[in-house]
Amino acid sequence: RAAFLVIAVVFVALTRGLSVEASTGPIPLNCNRTCLEGVMDQFLAAVVAHDPKKAPLSKDIKYTENNQVIDVGDGFWKTAQGIGRYKHYFADPEFGQVAFMGTMMEAGAPLLYSLRLRIELGRITEAEAILFKPGGGGPNNIPAMEKDGKVEDMWLKSIPPAQRLSRQEMIAVADGYFTGLQKNDGKGIGNTGTYPFTNDCHRIENGSPTTNVPKPADAAPGQISPFWYDCLTQFKMGLYYVVQSIHQRRYPLVDAERGVVWAHVVFDQGTVNSGVLSDGTKHSYPGFNRPSSILVSEACLIGGGKIRPVEMIGPSATYHITSPWPGNLSGN
């Protein structure tokens, strides 16, 4: 009996080991960064070709565009004209996830395209696309992203393993950003007076800077714009009091090698357009009184436990839109 048990244990161990090395699809199970980026390129090429068969898709793939579940091959699959010049990749080999922020072509013009893919057993099982098109709400500079076509070097640096934060630590930093932004009052996270930003933190939203923008010479006396300040100063001033809720928070991808957390969240705003800043100054955003949401995909580059640059793609959406994807960490 003892010999039989030993043989059984060895057999189970061997078969499990084989299953770890095997793949039921064309993508290897040990798909590293280069492999994951190649899968992303293959998916994008399939979209442009209007042919889902050109990508290694699972038969039960879940596909969404701007939080709407649709069939693969529908929506942007039918109208995509090409892949643009700006291409920013994020890879999470440990969890089989890869993401992309970049420009794509439709109707003869560039749009911004955010895409997350999940790979299981050699096939793509999830594809989550966010599209921002001209006129889609908020500041944007799509033509500049397409023309420049270059990802800043700071995003592409490899962090030595000994200096990397754990997955949980990185997600906590990113979530602190959204906690501090929700009903922003300048008091810091948990009234600590602190926010998780470096002093030179810079944020790009839909290709347009929303921090560190030079104050115009003709600014009216007393006029204040959040775009004139860095991330930390904005939050300490309490300038984002208009964002009343940040819900459906998810962090499906952590690029540990480069120190990036990829987040999907929803901003609810437009129900409050006036408030008091942290120094007691009364402030308002005229005309900002229409309830709406922003469907946000955001990448946060973290170093030393703080966020330095932030890159976001986020179209305007129906007020309090919810997500068809599981994994909401905010409890909202």
C-alpha atoms as a PDB file:
ATOM      1  CA  ARG A   1       0.000   0.000   0.000  1.00  0.00           C
ATOM      2  CA  ALA A   2       2.841   2.372   0.903  1.00  0.00           C
ATOM      3  CA  ALA A   3       4.507   1.714  -2.456  1.00  0.00           C
ATOM      4  CA  PHE A   4       1.220   2.345  -4.256  1.00  0.00           C
ATOM      5  CA  LEU A   5       0.790   5.682  -2.471  1.00  0.00           C
ATOM      6  CA  VAL A   6       4.296   6.775  -3.412  1.00  0.00           C
ATOM      7  CA  ILE A   7       3.667   5.872  -7.059  1.00  0.00           C
ATOM      8  CA  ALA A   8       0.353   7.752  -6.985  1.00  0.00           C
ATOM      9  CA  VAL A   9       1.953  10.863  -5.503  1.00  0.00           C
ATOM     10  CA  VAL A  10       4.744  10.795  -8.088  1.00  0.00           C
ATOM     11  CA  PHE A  11       2.202  10.336 -10.889  1.00  0.00           C
ATOM     12  CA  VAL A  12       0.118  13.306  -9.700  1.00  0.00           C
ATOM     13  CA  ALA A  13       3.223  15.470  -9.352  1.00  0.00           C
ATOM     14  CA  LEU A  14       4.394  14.557 -12.835  1.00  0.00           C
ATOM     15  CA  THR A  15       1.034  15.179 -14.460  1.00  0.00           C
ATOM     16  CA  ARG A  16       0.698  18.495 -12.688  1.00  0.00           C
ATOM     17  CA  GLY A  17       4.163  19.442 -13.809  1.00  0.00           C
ATOM     18  CA  LEU A  18       3.267  18.559 -17.379  1.00  0.00           C
ATOM     19  CA  SER A  19       0.095  20.626 -17.230  1.00  0.00           C
ATOM     20  CA  VAL A  20       2.076  23.634 -16.083  1.00  0.00           C
ATOM     21  CA  GLU A  21       4.309  23.352 -19.140  1.00  0.00           C
ATOM     22  CA  ALA A  22       1.534  22.536 -21.598  1.00  0.00           C
ATOM     23  CA  SER A  23      -0.676  24.946 -23.487  1.00  0.00           C
ATOM     24  CA  THR A  24      -4.021  24.262 -25.129  1.00  0.00           C
ATOM     25  CA  GLY A  25      -3.528  27.229 -27.447  1.00  0.00           C
ATOM     26  CA  PRO A  26      -0.793  28.823 -29.554  1.00  0.00           C
ATOM     27  CA  ILE A  27       0.450  31.113 -26.741  1.00  0.00           C
ATOM     28  CA  PRO A  28       3.034  29.517 -24.392  1.00  0.00           C
ATOM     29  CA  LEU A  29       2.171  29.425 -20.710  1.00  0.00           C
ATOM     30  CA  ASN A  30       5.469  31.063 -19.777  1.00  0.00           C
ATOM     31  CA  CYS A  31       4.673  34.099 -21.920  1.00  0.00           C
ATOM     32  CA  ASN A  32       7.194  36.803 -20.962  1.00  0.00           C
ATOM     33  CA  ARG A  33       7.101  40.538 -21.762  1.00  0.00           C
ATOM     34  CA  THR A  34       8.198  40.113 -25.360  1.00  0.00           C
ATOM     35  CA  CYS A  35       5.681  37.330 -25.843  1.00  0.00           C
ATOM     36  CA  LEU A  36       2.832  39.338 -24.285  1.00  0.00           C
ATOM     37  CA  GLU A  37       3.581  42.387 -26.413  1.00  0.00           C
ATOM     38  CA  GLY A  38       3.549  40.123 -29.448  1.00  0.00           C
ATOM     39  CA  VAL A  39       0.104  38.841 -28.465  1.00  0.00           C
ATOM     40  CA  MET A  40      -1.093  42.434 -28.177  1.00  0.00           C
ATOM     41  CA  ASP A  41       0.266  43.255 -31.626  1.00  0.00           C
ATOM     42  CA  GLN A  42      -1.469  40.204 -33.036  1.00  0.00           C
ATOM     43  CA  PHE A  43      -4.791  41.255 -31.495  1.00  0.00           C
ATOM     44  CA  LEU A  44      -4.477  44.821 -32.798  1.00  0.00           C
ATOM     45  CA  ALA A  45      -3.643  43.540 -36.265  1.00  0.00           C
ATOM     46  CA  ALA A  46      -6.729  41.316 -36.154  1.00  0.00           C
ATOM     47  CA  VAL A  47      -8.891  44.311 -35.230  1.00  0.00           C
ATOM     48  CA  VAL A  48      -7.533  46.330 -38.158  1.00  0.00           C
ATOM     49  CA  ALA A  49      -8.073  43.332 -40.467  1.00  0.00           C
ATOM     50  CA  HIS A  50     -11.678  43.060 -39.174  1.00  0.00           C
ATOM     51  CA  ASP A  51     -11.010  39.369 -38.632  1.00  0.00           C
ATOM     52  CA  PRO A  52     -11.162  37.792 -35.120  1.00  0.00           C
ATOM     53  CA  LYS A  53      -9.765  34.546 -36.558  1.00  0.00           C
ATOM     54  CA  LYS A  54      -6.387  36.239 -36.910  1.00  0.00           C
ATOM     55  CA  ALA A  55      -6.035  36.411 -33.094  1.00  0.00           C
ATOM     56  CA  PRO A  56      -5.642  33.470 -30.672  1.00  0.00           C
ATOM     57  CA  LEU A  57      -9.004  33.953 -28.997  1.00  0.00           C
ATOM     58  CA  SER A  58     -10.721  31.616 -26.590  1.00  0.00           C
ATOM     59  CA  LYS A  59     -14.141  30.424 -27.728  1.00  0.00           C
ATOM     60  CA  ASP A  60     -15.693  31.956 -24.596  1.00  0.00           C
ATOM     61  CA  ILE A  61     -13.791  35.259 -24.700  1.00  0.00           C
ATOM     62  CA  LYS A  62     -15.421  38.199 -22.922  1.00  0.00           C
ATOM     63  CA  TYR A  63     -15.091  41.419 -24.911  1.00  0.00           C
ATOM     64  CA  THR A  64     -16.166  44.958 -23.968  1.00  0.00           C
ATOM     65  CA  GLU A  65     -15.953  48.407 -25.529  1.00  0.00           C
ATOM     66  CA  ASN A  66     -16.416  51.280 -23.063  1.00  0.00           C
ATOM     67  CA  ASN A  67     -17.949  48.879 -20.509  1.00  0.00           C
ATOM     68  CA  GLN A  68     -20.480  47.446 -22.952  1.00  0.00           C
ATOM     69  CA  VAL A  69     -20.303  43.687 -23.531  1.00  0.00           C
ATOM     70  CA  ILE A  70     -20.449  43.002 -27.274  1.00  0.00           C
ATOM     71  CA  ASP A  71     -19.456  40.233 -29.647  1.00  0.00           C
ATOM     72  CA  VAL A  72     -15.883  40.016 -30.845  1.00  0.00           C
ATOM     73  CA  GLY A  73     -15.884  41.346 -34.379  1.00  0.00           C
ATOM     74  CA  ASP A  74     -18.478  44.012 -33.670  1.00  0.00           C
ATOM     75  CA  GLY A  75     -18.003  47.692 -32.838  1.00  0.00           C
ATOM     76  CA  PHE A  76     -14.493  49.026 -33.463  1.00  0.00           C
ATOM     77  CA  TRP A  77     -13.584  45.732 -35.138  1.00  0.00           C
ATOM     78  CA  LYS A  78     -15.709  46.903 -38.081  1.00  0.00           C
ATOM     79  CA  THR A  79     -14.409  50.484 -38.338  1.00  0.00           C
ATOM     80  CA  ALA A  80     -10.701  50.339 -37.377  1.00  0.00           C
ATOM     81  CA  GLN A  81      -8.468  51.565 -40.191  1.00  0.00           C
ATOM     82  CA  GLY A  82      -4.988  51.196 -38.758  1.00  0.00           C
ATOM     83  CA  ILE A  83      -2.607  51.219 -35.815  1.00  0.00           C
ATOM     84  CA  GLY A  84      -1.232  54.649 -34.926  1.00  0.00           C
ATOM     85  CA  ARG A  85       2.284  55.799 -34.088  1.00  0.00           C
ATOM     86  CA  TYR A  86       1.936  56.055 -30.292  1.00  0.00           C
ATOM     87  CA  LYS A  87       2.261  52.629 -28.645  1.00  0.00           C
ATOM     88  CA  HIS A  88       2.685  52.130 -24.905  1.00  0.00           C
ATOM     89  CA  TYR A  89       2.739  48.542 -23.585  1.00  0.00           C
ATOM     90  CA  PHE A  90       2.360  47.182 -20.045  1.00  0.00           C
ATOM     91  CA  ALA A  91       3.071  43.554 -19.158  1.00  0.00           C
ATOM     92  CA  ASP A  92       2.214  41.311 -16.197  1.00  0.00           C
ATOM     93  CA  PRO A  93       3.619  37.854 -17.025  1.00  0.00           C
ATOM     94  CA  GLU A  94       2.816  36.507 -13.547  1.00  0.00           C
ATOM     95  CA  PHE A  95      -0.931  36.987 -14.095  1.00  0.00           C
ATOM     96  CA  GLY A  96      -1.023  36.603 -17.876  1.00  0.00           C
ATOM     97  CA  GLN A  97      -2.100  40.176 -18.522  1.00  0.00           C
ATOM     98  CA  VAL A  98      -0.964  42.707 -21.117  1.00  0.00           C
ATOM     99  CA  ALA A  99      -2.240  46.230 -21.750  1.00  0.00           C
ATOM    100  CA  PHE A 100      -1.827  48.951 -24.343  1.00  0.00           C
ATOM    101  CA  MET A 101      -2.387  52.693 -24.551  1.00  0.00           C
ATOM    102  CA  GLY A 102      -1.989  54.228 -27.946  1.00  0.00           C
ATOM    103  CA  THR A 103      -3.455  55.740 -31.054  1.00  0.00           C
ATOM    104  CA  MET A 104      -5.576  53.946 -33.624  1.00  0.00           C
ATOM    105  CA  MET A 105      -7.149  55.187 -36.833  1.00  0.00           C
ATOM    106  CA  GLU A 106     -10.862  55.433 -37.589  1.00  0.00           C
ATOM    107  CA  ALA A 107     -12.760  57.545 -40.145  1.00  0.00           C
ATOM    108  CA  GLY A 108      -9.488  59.006 -41.374  1.00  0.00           C
ATOM    109  CA  ALA A 109      -8.420  60.387 -37.979  1.00  0.00           C
ATOM    110  CA  PRO A 110      -6.630  59.147 -34.843  1.00  0.00           C
ATOM    111  CA  LEU A 111      -8.423  58.149 -31.653  1.00  0.00           C
ATOM    112  CA  LEU A 112      -7.073  56.986 -28.308  1.00  0.00           C
ATOM    113  CA  TYR A 113      -7.306  53.297 -27.565  1.00  0.00           C
ATOM    114  CA  SER A 114      -6.810  51.541 -24.241  1.00  0.00           C
ATOM    115  CA  LEU A 115      -6.837  47.751 -24.290  1.00  0.00           C
ATOM    116  CA  ARG A 116      -6.286  45.060 -21.660  1.00  0.00           C
ATOM    117  CA  LEU A 117      -5.957  41.382 -22.560  1.00  0.00           C
ATOM    118  CA  ARG A 118      -5.969  38.349 -20.294  1.00  0.00           C
ATOM    119  CA  ILE A 119      -4.387  35.099 -21.439  1.00  0.00           C
ATOM    120  CA  GLU A 120      -5.217  31.693 -19.990  1.00  0.00           C
ATOM    121  CA  LEU A 121      -4.021  28.294 -21.191  1.00  0.00           C
ATOM    122  CA  GLY A 122      -2.654  29.719 -24.401  1.00  0.00           C
ATOM    123  CA  ARG A 123      -5.715  31.733 -25.452  1.00  0.00           C
ATOM    124  CA  ILE A 124      -7.029  35.277 -24.968  1.00  0.00           C
ATOM    125  CA  THR A 125      -9.995  35.003 -22.603  1.00  0.00           C
ATOM    126  CA  GLU A 126     -10.639  38.691 -21.847  1.00  0.00           C
ATOM    127  CA  ALA A 127     -10.377  41.859 -23.921  1.00  0.00           C
ATOM    128  CA  GLU A 128     -11.350  45.198 -22.348  1.00  0.00           C
ATOM    129  CA  ALA A 129     -11.224  48.193 -24.686  1.00  0.00           C
ATOM    130  CA  ILE A 130     -11.700  51.882 -23.843  1.00  0.00           C
ATOM    131  CA  LEU A 131     -11.943  54.307 -26.760  1.00  0.00           C
ATOM    132  CA  PHE A 132     -11.656  58.090 -26.584  1.00  0.00           C
ATOM    133  CA  LYS A 133     -12.689  59.899 -29.732  1.00  0.00           C
ATOM    134  CA  PRO A 134     -12.540  63.605 -30.628  1.00  0.00           C
ATOM    135  CA  GLY A 135     -15.390  65.390 -28.862  1.00  0.00           C
ATOM    136  CA  GLY A 136     -15.530  62.703 -26.205  1.00  0.00           C
ATOM    137  CA  GLY A 137     -15.451  65.124 -23.268  1.00  0.00           C
ATOM    138  CA  GLY A 138     -12.646  66.726 -21.272  1.00  0.00           C
ATOM    139  CA  PRO A 139      -9.256  68.020 -22.413  1.00  0.00           C
ATOM    140  CA  ASN A 140      -7.440  66.063 -25.072  1.00  0.00           C
ATOM    141  CA  ASN A 141      -4.614  66.323 -27.566  1.00  0.00           C
ATOM    142  CA  ILE A 142      -4.904  63.249 -29.734  1.00  0.00           C
ATOM    143  CA  PRO A 143      -3.044  64.745 -32.737  1.00  0.00           C
ATOM    144  CA  ALA A 144       0.016  65.503 -30.570  1.00  0.00           C
ATOM    145  CA  MET A 145       0.219  61.924 -29.305  1.00  0.00           C
ATOM    146  CA  GLU A 146      -0.050  60.593 -32.836  1.00  0.00           C
ATOM    147  CA  LYS A 147       2.521  63.047 -34.198  1.00  0.00           C
ATOM    148  CA  ASP A 148       5.103  62.528 -31.434  1.00  0.00           C
ATOM    149  CA  GLY A 149       4.611  58.782 -31.195  1.00  0.00           C
ATOM    150  CA  LYS A 150       7.134  58.392 -28.370  1.00  0.00           C
ATOM    151  CA  VAL A 151       6.730  56.981 -24.876  1.00  0.00           C
ATOM    152  CA  GLU A 152       8.768  58.871 -22.263  1.00  0.00           C
ATOM    153  CA  ASP A 153      11.917  57.017 -21.237  1.00  0.00           C
ATOM    154  CA  MET A 154      10.989  56.972 -17.537  1.00  0.00           C
ATOM    155  CA  TRP A 155       8.167  54.502 -18.270  1.00  0.00           C
ATOM    156  CA  LEU A 156      10.510  51.982 -19.908  1.00  0.00           C
ATOM    157  CA  LYS A 157      13.177  51.574 -17.238  1.00  0.00           C
ATOM    158  CA  SER A 158      13.588  48.198 -15.564  1.00  0.00           C
ATOM    159  CA  ILE A 159      13.633  48.309 -11.753  1.00  0.00           C
ATOM    160  CA  PRO A 160      16.187  46.001 -10.054  1.00  0.00           C
ATOM    161  CA  PRO A 161      14.304  43.131  -8.334  1.00  0.00           C
ATOM    162  CA  ALA A 162      15.610  44.097  -4.884  1.00  0.00           C
ATOM    163  CA  GLN A 163      14.069  47.569  -5.241  1.00  0.00           C
ATOM    164  CA  ARG A 164      10.624  46.468  -6.369  1.00  0.00           C
ATOM    165  CA  LEU A 165       7.579  46.834  -4.150  1.00  0.00           C
ATOM    166  CA  SER A 166       5.248  43.908  -3.693  1.00  0.00           C
ATOM    167  CA  ARG A 167       2.119  43.679  -5.800  1.00  0.00           C
ATOM    168  CA  GLN A 168      -0.045  44.570  -2.800  1.00  0.00           C
ATOM    169  CA  GLU A 169       2.114  47.581  -1.913  1.00  0.00           C
ATOM    170  CA  MET A 170       1.941  48.963  -5.443  1.00  0.00           C
ATOM    171  CA  ILE A 171      -1.834  48.565  -5.624  1.00  0.00           C
ATOM    172  CA  ALA A 172      -2.187  50.290  -2.235  1.00  0.00           C
ATOM    173  CA  VAL A 173      -0.264  53.307  -3.562  1.00  0.00           C
ATOM    174  CA  ALA A 174      -2.436  53.522  -6.670  1.00  0.00           C
ATOM    175  CA  ASP A 175      -5.632  53.146  -4.662  1.00  0.00           C
ATOM    176  CA  GLY A 176      -4.444  55.932  -2.358  1.00  0.00           C
ATOM    177  CA  TYR A 177      -4.398  58.210  -5.395  1.00  0.00           C
ATOM    178  CA  PHE A 178      -8.084  57.575  -6.057  1.00  0.00           C
ATOM    179  CA  THR A 179      -9.003  57.775  -2.371  1.00  0.00           C
ATOM    180  CA  GLY A 180      -7.316  61.179  -2.146  1.00  0.00           C
ATOM    181  CA  LEU A 181      -9.037  62.367  -5.313  1.00  0.00           C
ATOM    182  CA  GLN A 182     -12.548  61.369  -4.242  1.00  0.00           C
ATOM    183  CA  LYS A 183     -14.157  64.404  -2.541  1.00  0.00           C
ATOM    184  CA  ASN A 184     -10.701  65.964  -2.469  1.00  0.00           C
ATOM    185  CA  ASP A 185     -10.417  68.303   0.534  1.00  0.00           C
ATOM    186  CA  GLY A 186      -6.665  68.860   0.896  1.00  0.00           C
ATOM    187  CA  LYS A 187      -6.491  67.030   4.228  1.00  0.00           C
ATOM    188  CA  GLY A 188      -4.638  64.024   2.888  1.00  0.00           C
ATOM    189  CA  ILE A 189      -5.572  60.355   2.933  1.00  0.00           C
ATOM    190  CA  GLY A 190      -7.249  59.624   6.251  1.00  0.00           C
ATOM    191  CA  ASN A 191      -6.598  63.230   7.345  1.00  0.00           C
ATOM    192  CA  THR A 192      -2.858  62.541   7.415  1.00  0.00           C
ATOM    193  CA  GLY A 193      -1.983  65.561   5.278  1.00  0.00           C
ATOM    194  CA  THR A 194      -0.165  63.318   2.787  1.00  0.00           C
ATOM    195  CA  TYR A 195      -0.814  62.072  -0.741  1.00  0.00           C
ATOM    196  CA  PRO A 196       1.220  59.432  -2.663  1.00  0.00           C
ATOM    197  CA  PHE A 197       2.909  61.766  -5.183  1.00  0.00           C
ATOM    198  CA  THR A 198       6.423  62.928  -5.880  1.00  0.00           C
ATOM    199  CA  ASN A 199       6.944  66.696  -5.996  1.00  0.00           C
ATOM    200  CA  ASP A 200       7.266  66.582  -9.788  1.00  0.00           C
ATOM    201  CA  CYS A 201       4.299  64.298 -10.488  1.00  0.00           C
ATOM    202  CA  HIS A 202       2.805  64.947 -13.906  1.00  0.00           C
ATOM    203  CA  ARG A 203      -0.468  63.665 -15.380  1.00  0.00           C
ATOM    204  CA  ILE A 204      -1.462  63.250 -19.024  1.00  0.00           C
ATOM    205  CA  GLU A 205      -5.172  62.798 -19.737  1.00  0.00           C
ATOM    206  CA  ASN A 206      -6.212  61.821 -23.246  1.00  0.00           C
ATOM    207  CA  GLY A 207      -2.919  63.140 -24.570  1.00  0.00           C
ATOM    208  CA  SER A 208      -3.225  66.525 -22.841  1.00  0.00           C
ATOM    209  CA  PRO A 209      -1.341  67.638 -19.690  1.00  0.00           C
ATOM    210  CA  THR A 210      -3.603  68.355 -16.731  1.00  0.00           C
ATOM    211  CA  THR A 211      -0.707  69.366 -14.461  1.00  0.00           C
ATOM    212  CA  ASN A 212       2.202  71.813 -14.698  1.00  0.00           C
ATOM    213  CA  VAL A 213       0.590  73.886 -17.457  1.00  0.00           C
ATOM    214  CA  PRO A 214       2.063  77.437 -17.450  1.00  0.00           C
ATOM    215  CA  LYS A 215      -0.322  80.046 -16.092  1.00  0.00           C
ATOM    216  CA  PRO A 216      -1.456  82.294 -18.952  1.00  0.00           C
ATOM    217  CA  ALA A 217      -0.295  85.886 -18.820  1.00  0.00           C
ATOM    218  CA  ASP A 218      -3.861  87.126 -19.247  1.00  0.00           C
ATOM    219  CA  ALA A 219      -5.321  85.093 -16.368  1.00  0.00           C
ATOM    220  CA  ALA A 220      -7.943  87.084 -14.484  1.00  0.00           C
ATOM    221  CA  PRO A 221      -7.152  88.219 -10.915  1.00  0.00           C
ATOM    222  CA  GLY A 222      -8.147  85.491  -8.491  1.00  0.00           C
ATOM    223  CA  GLN A 223      -8.551  82.915 -11.244  1.00  0.00           C
ATOM    224  CA  ILE A 224      -7.377  79.434 -10.325  1.00  0.00           C
ATOM    225  CA  SER A 225      -7.004  76.445 -12.633  1.00  0.00           C
ATOM    226  CA  PRO A 226      -5.969  73.020 -11.346  1.00  0.00           C
ATOM    227  CA  PHE A 227      -3.899  72.509 -14.493  1.00  0.00           C
ATOM    228  CA  TRP A 228      -1.351  75.125 -13.343  1.00  0.00           C
ATOM    229  CA  TYR A 229      -0.062  72.904 -10.507  1.00  0.00           C
ATOM    230  CA  ASP A 230       1.625  69.544 -10.029  1.00  0.00           C
ATOM    231  CA  CYS A 231      -0.373  66.552  -8.750  1.00  0.00           C
ATOM    232  CA  LEU A 232       0.607  67.004  -5.115  1.00  0.00           C
ATOM    233  CA  THR A 233      -0.207  70.723  -5.025  1.00  0.00           C
ATOM    234  CA  GLN A 234      -3.565  70.132  -6.718  1.00  0.00           C
ATOM    235  CA  PHE A 235      -4.559  67.612  -4.078  1.00  0.00           C
ATOM    236  CA  LYS A 236      -3.277  69.691  -1.156  1.00  0.00           C
ATOM    237  CA  MET A 237      -5.288  72.662  -2.418  1.00  0.00           C
ATOM    238  CA  GLY A 238      -8.434  70.534  -2.609  1.00  0.00           C
ATOM    239  CA  LEU A 239      -9.079  71.489  -6.227  1.00  0.00           C
ATOM    240  CA  TYR A 240     -10.791  68.232  -7.142  1.00  0.00           C
ATOM    241  CA  TYR A 241     -13.715  68.493  -4.749  1.00  0.00           C
ATOM    242  CA  VAL A 242     -15.983  68.093  -7.796  1.00  0.00           C
ATOM    243  CA  VAL A 243     -15.174  64.374  -8.096  1.00  0.00           C
ATOM    244  CA  GLN A 244     -17.783  62.978  -5.752  1.00  0.00           C
ATOM    245  CA  SER A 245     -17.179  59.267  -6.175  1.00  0.00           C
ATOM    246  CA  ILE A 246     -14.529  56.977  -7.655  1.00  0.00           C
ATOM    247  CA  HIS A 247     -16.049  53.524  -7.831  1.00  0.00           C
ATOM    248  CA  GLN A 248     -15.617  50.210  -9.662  1.00  0.00           C
ATOM    249  CA  ARG A 249     -11.927  50.333  -8.773  1.00  0.00           C
ATOM    250  CA  ARG A 250      -9.938  47.470 -10.267  1.00  0.00           C
ATOM    251  CA  TYR A 251      -6.206  46.826 -10.611  1.00  0.00           C
ATOM    252  CA  PRO A 252      -5.958  43.835 -12.952  1.00  0.00           C
ATOM    253  CA  LEU A 253      -2.382  44.402 -14.113  1.00  0.00           C
ATOM    254  CA  VAL A 254       0.812  45.162 -12.233  1.00  0.00           C
ATOM    255  CA  ASP A 255       3.947  45.631 -14.314  1.00  0.00           C
ATOM    256  CA  ALA A 256       6.398  44.808 -11.534  1.00  0.00           C
ATOM    257  CA  GLU A 257       9.479  45.100 -13.736  1.00  0.00           C
ATOM    258  CA  ARG A 258       8.712  48.739 -14.591  1.00  0.00           C
ATOM    259  CA  GLY A 259       6.807  49.720 -11.440  1.00  0.00           C
ATOM    260  CA  VAL A 260       3.437  50.379 -13.066  1.00  0.00           C
ATOM    261  CA  VAL A 261      -0.086  49.748 -11.803  1.00  0.00           C
ATOM    262  CA  TRP A 262      -2.847  49.608 -14.432  1.00  0.00           C
ATOM    263  CA  ALA A 263      -6.228  50.680 -13.066  1.00  0.00           C
ATOM    264  CA  HIS A 264      -9.825  50.768 -14.259  1.00  0.00           C
ATOM    265  CA  VAL A 265     -12.163  53.083 -12.313  1.00  0.00           C
ATOM    266  CA  VAL A 266     -15.200  55.315 -12.801  1.00  0.00           C
ATOM    267  CA  PHE A 267     -15.258  59.013 -11.799  1.00  0.00           C
ATOM    268  CA  ASP A 268     -18.671  60.478 -10.915  1.00  0.00           C
ATOM    269  CA  GLN A 269     -18.905  64.256 -11.130  1.00  0.00           C
ATOM    270  CA  GLY A 270     -21.095  67.181 -12.142  1.00  0.00           C
ATOM    271  CA  THR A 271     -23.395  67.173  -9.110  1.00  0.00           C
ATOM    272  CA  VAL A 272     -21.164  69.655  -7.220  1.00  0.00           C
ATOM    273  CA  ASN A 273     -19.488  72.622  -8.915  1.00  0.00           C
ATOM    274  CA  SER A 274     -18.541  74.935  -6.049  1.00  0.00           C
ATOM    275  CA  GLY A 275     -16.679  74.510  -2.795  1.00  0.00           C
ATOM    276  CA  VAL A 276     -14.036  75.827  -0.430  1.00  0.00           C
ATOM    277  CA  LEU A 277     -10.338  75.125  -0.987  1.00  0.00           C
ATOM    278  CA  SER A 278      -8.052  73.995   1.823  1.00  0.00           C
ATOM    279  CA  ASP A 279      -6.906  77.576   2.503  1.00  0.00           C
ATOM    280  CA  GLY A 280     -10.489  78.801   2.866  1.00  0.00           C
ATOM    281  CA  THR A 281     -10.785  80.280  -0.633  1.00  0.00           C
ATOM    282  CA  LYS A 282     -14.213  79.930  -2.208  1.00  0.00           C
ATOM    283  CA  HIS A 283     -13.997  78.321  -5.612  1.00  0.00           C
ATOM    284  CA  SER A 284     -16.296  77.210  -8.413  1.00  0.00           C
ATOM    285  CA  TYR A 285     -16.280  75.612 -11.836  1.00  0.00           C
ATOM    286  CA  PRO A 286     -18.923  77.533 -13.830  1.00  0.00           C
ATOM    287  CA  GLY A 287     -21.041  75.318 -16.021  1.00  0.00           C
ATOM    288  CA  PHE A 288     -19.780  72.161 -14.364  1.00  0.00           C
ATOM    289  CA  ASN A 289     -23.232  71.141 -13.185  1.00  0.00           C
ATOM    290  CA  ARG A 290     -24.259  68.241 -15.374  1.00  0.00           C
ATOM    291  CA  PRO A 291     -24.046  64.776 -13.799  1.00  0.00           C
ATOM    292  CA  SER A 292     -21.704  62.558 -15.795  1.00  0.00           C
ATOM    293  CA  SER A 293     -18.952  60.026 -15.342  1.00  0.00           C
ATOM    294  CA  ILE A 294     -15.527  59.361 -16.815  1.00  0.00           C
ATOM    295  CA  LEU A 295     -14.676  55.781 -17.743  1.00  0.00           C
ATOM    296  CA  VAL A 296     -11.023  55.731 -16.738  1.00  0.00           C
ATOM    297  CA  SER A 297      -8.141  53.447 -17.647  1.00  0.00           C
ATOM    298  CA  GLU A 298      -5.051  54.778 -15.921  1.00  0.00           C
ATOM    299  CA  ALA A 299      -1.403  53.811 -15.596  1.00  0.00           C
ATOM    300  CA  CYS A 300       0.543  54.966 -12.536  1.00  0.00           C
ATOM    301  CA  LEU A 301       4.337  54.747 -12.491  1.00  0.00           C
ATOM    302  CA  ILE A 302       5.479  54.202  -8.912  1.00  0.00           C
ATOM    303  CA  GLY A 303       8.928  54.707  -7.459  1.00  0.00           C
ATOM    304  CA  GLY A 304       9.893  54.820  -3.798  1.00  0.00           C
ATOM    305  CA  GLY A 305       6.282  54.300  -2.805  1.00  0.00           C
ATOM    306  CA  LYS A 306       5.053  57.394  -4.659  1.00  0.00           C
ATOM    307  CA  ILE A 307       3.495  58.150  -8.036  1.00  0.00           C
ATOM    308  CA  ARG A 308       5.473  60.259 -10.466  1.00  0.00           C
ATOM    309  CA  PRO A 309       3.798  60.230 -13.909  1.00  0.00           C
ATOM    310  CA  VAL A 310       0.202  59.221 -14.657  1.00  0.00           C
ATOM    311  CA  GLU A 311      -1.163  58.403 -18.105  1.00  0.00           C
ATOM    312  CA  MET A 312      -4.916  58.174 -18.608  1.00  0.00           C
ATOM    313  CA  ILE A 313      -7.446  57.464 -21.326  1.00  0.00           C
ATOM    314  CA  GLY A 314     -11.016  58.207 -20.307  1.00  0.00           C
ATOM    315  CA  PRO A 315     -14.132  59.119 -22.295  1.00  0.00           C
ATOM    316  CA  SER A 316     -17.224  60.736 -20.856  1.00  0.00           C
ATOM    317  CA  ALA A 317     -19.873  58.185 -19.935  1.00  0.00           C
ATOM    318  CA  THR A 318     -23.370  57.833 -18.526  1.00  0.00           C
ATOM    319  CA  TYR A 319     -23.570  59.061 -14.934  1.00  0.00           C
ATOM    320  CA  HIS A 320     -22.612  56.360 -12.415  1.00  0.00           C
ATOM    321  CA  ILE A 321     -21.925  53.795 -15.117  1.00  0.00           C
ATOM    322  CA  THR A 322     -21.103  50.371 -13.696  1.00  0.00           C
ATOM    323  CA  SER A 323     -18.620  47.777 -14.871  1.00  0.00           C
ATOM    324  CA  PRO A 324     -19.368  44.334 -16.317  1.00  0.00           C
ATOM    325  CA  TRP A 325     -15.991  43.189 -15.002  1.00  0.00           C
ATOM    326  CA  PRO A 326     -15.556  41.574 -11.546  1.00  0.00           C
ATOM    327  CA  GLY A 327     -12.916  42.519  -9.018  1.00  0.00           C
ATOM    328  CA  ASN A 328     -14.205  45.825  -7.649  1.00  0.00           C
ATOM    329  CA  LEU A 329     -11.855  46.664  -4.758  1.00  0.00           C
ATOM    330  CA  SER A 330     -13.474  49.912  -3.612  1.00  0.00           C
ATOM    331  CA  GLY A 331     -16.639  48.372  -2.171  1.00  0.00           C
ATOM    332  CA  ASN A 332     -18.790  50.753  -4.240  1.00  0.00           C
END
